[in-house]
């Protein structure tokens, strides 16, 4: 609110001349958040899945402990991430499958961040999974995997491990994979949507 009172108290000084008007408009936009949109928003959440949907319970604070958090059903994916994927993309089994595979790869990145050769192998698989996500979601694939990555790296420990993993890749050159079903580690065509 300091900016607002500054504008009100200094209106005459700020608005003198054409440049001043633009400064005032810019400050007002900064305060009110105007900007015309243009920001990708995630798809709206559908109604939550039924209780018997097979999702593990929300791990709460326990999910923030350690690199791998809580995986109560031992499927190789943290419970909070499993829930995020299912609840954010309930209408696309293909997207869920691709993000689940991507998550498993990211978890490998975190636990093997100290091993350069293994990090390189994992990065190649990760690039394939990103290509898979972009194949399934050609318009929003980049945003989708980046948002998931942010969910996965939700603690300082996980973020530090990811930085260490990325450091292992320094100086390496990686090929891009085509956006094709063959980039996916599962049969894309066997899933309905």
Protein backbone atom coordinates (compact mmCIF):
# COMPACT_ATOMS: atom_id res chain seq x y z
CA UNK A 1 0.00 0.00 0.00
CA UNK A 2 3.00 2.33 0.24
CA UNK A 3 3.06 2.69 -3.54
CA UNK A 4 -0.63 3.63 -3.61
CA UNK A 5 -0.19 6.37 -0.99
CA UNK A 6 2.92 7.60 -2.82
CA UNK A 7 0.91 7.95 -6.03
CA UNK A 8 -1.97 9.72 -4.28
CA UNK A 9 0.35 12.14 -2.48
CA UNK A 10 2.49 12.86 -5.53
CA UNK A 11 -0.13 12.73 -8.28
CA UNK A 12 0.56 16.21 -9.67
CA UNK A 13 4.31 15.65 -9.88
CA UNK A 14 3.96 12.17 -11.36
CA UNK A 15 1.33 13.00 -13.94
CA UNK A 16 3.00 16.06 -15.42
CA UNK A 17 3.71 15.38 -19.07
CA UNK A 18 3.04 12.34 -21.22
CA UNK A 19 5.85 10.31 -19.64
CA UNK A 20 4.40 10.95 -16.20
CA UNK A 21 1.02 9.58 -17.23
CA UNK A 22 2.68 6.36 -18.41
CA UNK A 23 4.58 6.10 -15.11
CA UNK A 24 1.35 6.47 -13.15
CA UNK A 25 -0.46 3.92 -15.34
CA UNK A 26 2.45 1.49 -14.95
CA UNK A 27 2.43 1.89 -11.17
CA UNK A 28 -1.32 1.42 -11.02
CA UNK A 29 -1.04 -1.73 -13.12
CA UNK A 30 1.63 -3.03 -10.78
CA UNK A 31 -0.65 -2.42 -7.80
CA UNK A 32 -3.83 -3.84 -9.30
CA UNK A 33 -2.24 -6.65 -11.28
CA UNK A 34 -3.64 -5.59 -14.62
CA UNK A 35 -1.80 -6.87 -17.59
CA UNK A 36 -4.28 -8.54 -19.88
CA UNK A 37 -3.77 -12.10 -18.78
CA UNK A 38 -1.56 -14.06 -21.12
CA UNK A 39 -0.45 -16.41 -18.37
CA UNK A 40 -1.00 -20.11 -18.93
CA UNK A 41 -3.28 -21.49 -16.29
CA UNK A 42 -3.48 -25.15 -15.42
CA UNK A 43 -6.58 -26.99 -16.52
CA UNK A 44 -9.49 -26.63 -14.11
CA UNK A 45 -9.75 -29.39 -11.59
CA UNK A 46 -12.63 -31.74 -12.13
CA UNK A 47 -14.57 -33.01 -9.21
CA UNK A 48 -12.31 -34.96 -6.85
CA UNK A 49 -12.08 -38.67 -7.50
CA UNK A 50 -14.23 -40.91 -5.36
CA UNK A 51 -12.78 -42.09 -2.07
CA UNK A 52 -12.18 -45.57 -3.47
CA UNK A 53 -10.17 -44.18 -6.42
CA UNK A 54 -7.04 -45.93 -5.27
CA UNK A 55 -5.17 -42.73 -4.41
CA UNK A 56 -3.05 -42.85 -1.27
CA UNK A 57 -3.93 -40.40 1.51
CA UNK A 58 -2.30 -36.97 1.53
CA UNK A 59 0.96 -37.46 3.46
CA UNK A 60 0.87 -33.95 4.92
CA UNK A 61 4.07 -32.80 6.61
CA UNK A 62 5.52 -36.33 6.52
CA UNK A 63 5.66 -35.98 2.74
CA UNK A 64 8.22 -33.20 3.11
CA UNK A 65 10.79 -35.41 4.84
CA UNK A 66 13.73 -36.78 2.87
CA UNK A 67 14.39 -36.91 -0.85
CA UNK A 68 11.72 -39.52 -1.54
CA UNK A 69 9.01 -38.46 0.91
CA UNK A 70 6.20 -40.95 1.56
CA UNK A 71 5.29 -43.69 -0.93
CA UNK A 72 2.74 -45.71 1.03
CA UNK A 73 1.71 -47.91 -1.91
CA UNK A 74 5.32 -48.55 -3.04
CA UNK A 75 4.61 -47.65 -6.68
CA UNK A 76 7.82 -45.63 -7.00
CA UNK A 77 6.08 -42.24 -6.85
CA UNK A 78 5.70 -40.04 -3.77
CA UNK A 79 2.11 -39.99 -2.51
CA UNK A 80 1.80 -36.20 -2.76
CA UNK A 81 2.96 -36.30 -6.38
CA UNK A 82 0.72 -39.24 -7.22
CA UNK A 83 -2.20 -37.24 -5.86
CA UNK A 84 -1.10 -34.07 -7.70
CA UNK A 85 -0.98 -35.91 -11.04
CA UNK A 86 -4.34 -37.65 -10.58
CA UNK A 87 -6.17 -34.59 -9.27
CA UNK A 88 -4.66 -32.12 -11.77
CA UNK A 89 -5.15 -34.30 -14.86
CA UNK A 90 -8.14 -36.54 -14.04
CA UNK A 91 -9.37 -36.64 -17.63
CA UNK A 92 -6.21 -37.94 -19.32
CA UNK A 93 -4.79 -41.35 -18.55
CA UNK A 94 -2.06 -40.70 -21.13
CA UNK A 95 -0.94 -37.55 -19.33
CA UNK A 96 -1.07 -39.32 -15.98
CA UNK A 97 1.06 -42.19 -17.31
CA UNK A 98 3.64 -39.84 -18.87
CA UNK A 99 3.89 -37.72 -15.72
CA UNK A 100 4.21 -40.81 -13.54
CA UNK A 101 7.16 -42.02 -15.64
CA UNK A 102 8.67 -38.53 -15.61
CA UNK A 103 8.33 -38.43 -11.80
CA UNK A 104 10.10 -41.76 -11.39
CA UNK A 105 12.96 -40.40 -13.48
CA UNK A 106 13.16 -37.21 -11.45
CA UNK A 107 13.28 -39.21 -8.24
CA UNK A 108 16.20 -41.17 -9.73
CA UNK A 109 17.89 -37.84 -10.47
CA UNK A 110 17.60 -36.81 -6.84
CA UNK A 111 18.89 -40.02 -5.25
CA UNK A 112 21.74 -40.44 -7.75
CA UNK A 113 22.83 -36.80 -7.91
CA UNK A 114 26.38 -37.62 -6.77
CA UNK A 115 27.04 -40.07 -9.65
CA UNK A 116 28.00 -38.32 -12.92
CA UNK A 117 27.66 -41.31 -15.27
CA UNK A 118 24.34 -42.37 -13.81
CA UNK A 119 23.12 -38.76 -13.93
CA UNK A 120 23.90 -38.66 -17.65
CA UNK A 121 21.97 -41.90 -18.27
CA UNK A 122 19.03 -40.61 -16.26
CA UNK A 123 19.09 -37.29 -18.17
CA UNK A 124 18.76 -39.12 -21.49
CA UNK A 125 15.70 -40.99 -20.20
CA UNK A 126 14.33 -37.74 -18.76
CA UNK A 127 14.63 -36.02 -22.13
CA UNK A 128 12.69 -38.89 -23.69
CA UNK A 129 9.93 -38.48 -21.11
CA UNK A 130 9.75 -34.73 -21.75
CA UNK A 131 9.33 -35.51 -25.46
CA UNK A 132 6.58 -37.96 -24.53
CA UNK A 133 4.76 -35.34 -22.44
CA UNK A 134 5.03 -32.86 -25.33
CA UNK A 135 3.75 -35.49 -27.76
CA UNK A 136 0.67 -36.16 -25.61
CA UNK A 137 0.13 -32.46 -24.85
CA UNK A 138 1.57 -30.57 -27.84
CA UNK A 139 0.31 -27.15 -26.77
CA UNK A 140 0.95 -27.32 -23.01
CA UNK A 141 3.58 -30.04 -22.58
CA UNK A 142 6.39 -27.70 -21.55
CA UNK A 143 4.25 -25.98 -18.94
CA UNK A 144 2.92 -29.31 -17.64
CA UNK A 145 6.33 -30.89 -16.98
CA UNK A 146 7.74 -27.68 -15.50
CA UNK A 147 4.84 -27.40 -13.07
CA UNK A 148 5.30 -31.01 -12.07
CA UNK A 149 9.04 -30.45 -11.58
CA UNK A 150 8.21 -27.57 -9.22
CA UNK A 151 5.90 -29.86 -7.22
CA UNK A 152 8.61 -32.53 -7.01
CA UNK A 153 11.29 -30.06 -5.85
CA UNK A 154 9.17 -28.74 -2.99
CA UNK A 155 11.85 -28.78 -0.27
CA UNK A 156 15.31 -27.31 0.04
CA UNK A 157 16.86 -30.78 0.25
CA UNK A 158 15.20 -31.87 -3.00
CA UNK A 159 16.12 -28.64 -4.76
CA UNK A 160 19.75 -28.94 -3.68
CA UNK A 161 19.91 -32.52 -4.91
CA UNK A 162 18.46 -31.42 -8.26
CA UNK A 163 21.07 -28.67 -8.55
CA UNK A 164 23.79 -31.21 -7.79
CA UNK A 165 22.35 -33.55 -10.44
CA UNK A 166 22.29 -30.68 -12.96
CA UNK A 167 25.92 -29.85 -12.11
CA UNK A 168 26.83 -33.43 -13.09
CA UNK A 169 25.51 -32.72 -16.59
CA UNK A 170 27.79 -29.72 -17.13
CA UNK A 171 29.76 -29.92 -20.36
CA UNK A 172 27.61 -32.71 -21.79
CA UNK A 173 25.68 -32.53 -25.06
CA UNK A 174 22.29 -34.21 -25.34
CA UNK A 175 20.22 -35.04 -28.39
CA UNK A 176 16.58 -34.12 -28.52
CA UNK A 177 14.06 -36.86 -29.04
CA UNK A 178 11.16 -36.51 -31.47
CA UNK A 179 7.73 -35.80 -30.11
CA UNK A 180 6.45 -39.28 -30.80
CA UNK A 181 4.75 -42.17 -29.06
CA UNK A 182 8.07 -44.00 -29.27
CA UNK A 183 9.49 -41.52 -26.71
CA UNK A 184 7.06 -42.84 -24.11
CA UNK A 185 7.96 -45.74 -21.86
CA UNK A 186 4.45 -47.18 -22.24
CA UNK A 187 1.96 -47.97 -24.99
CA UNK A 188 0.27 -44.60 -25.53
CA UNK A 189 -2.32 -46.04 -27.90
CA UNK A 190 -3.54 -48.54 -25.30
CA UNK A 191 -4.89 -45.71 -23.12
CA UNK A 192 -8.28 -44.18 -23.94
CA UNK A 193 -7.52 -40.49 -23.45
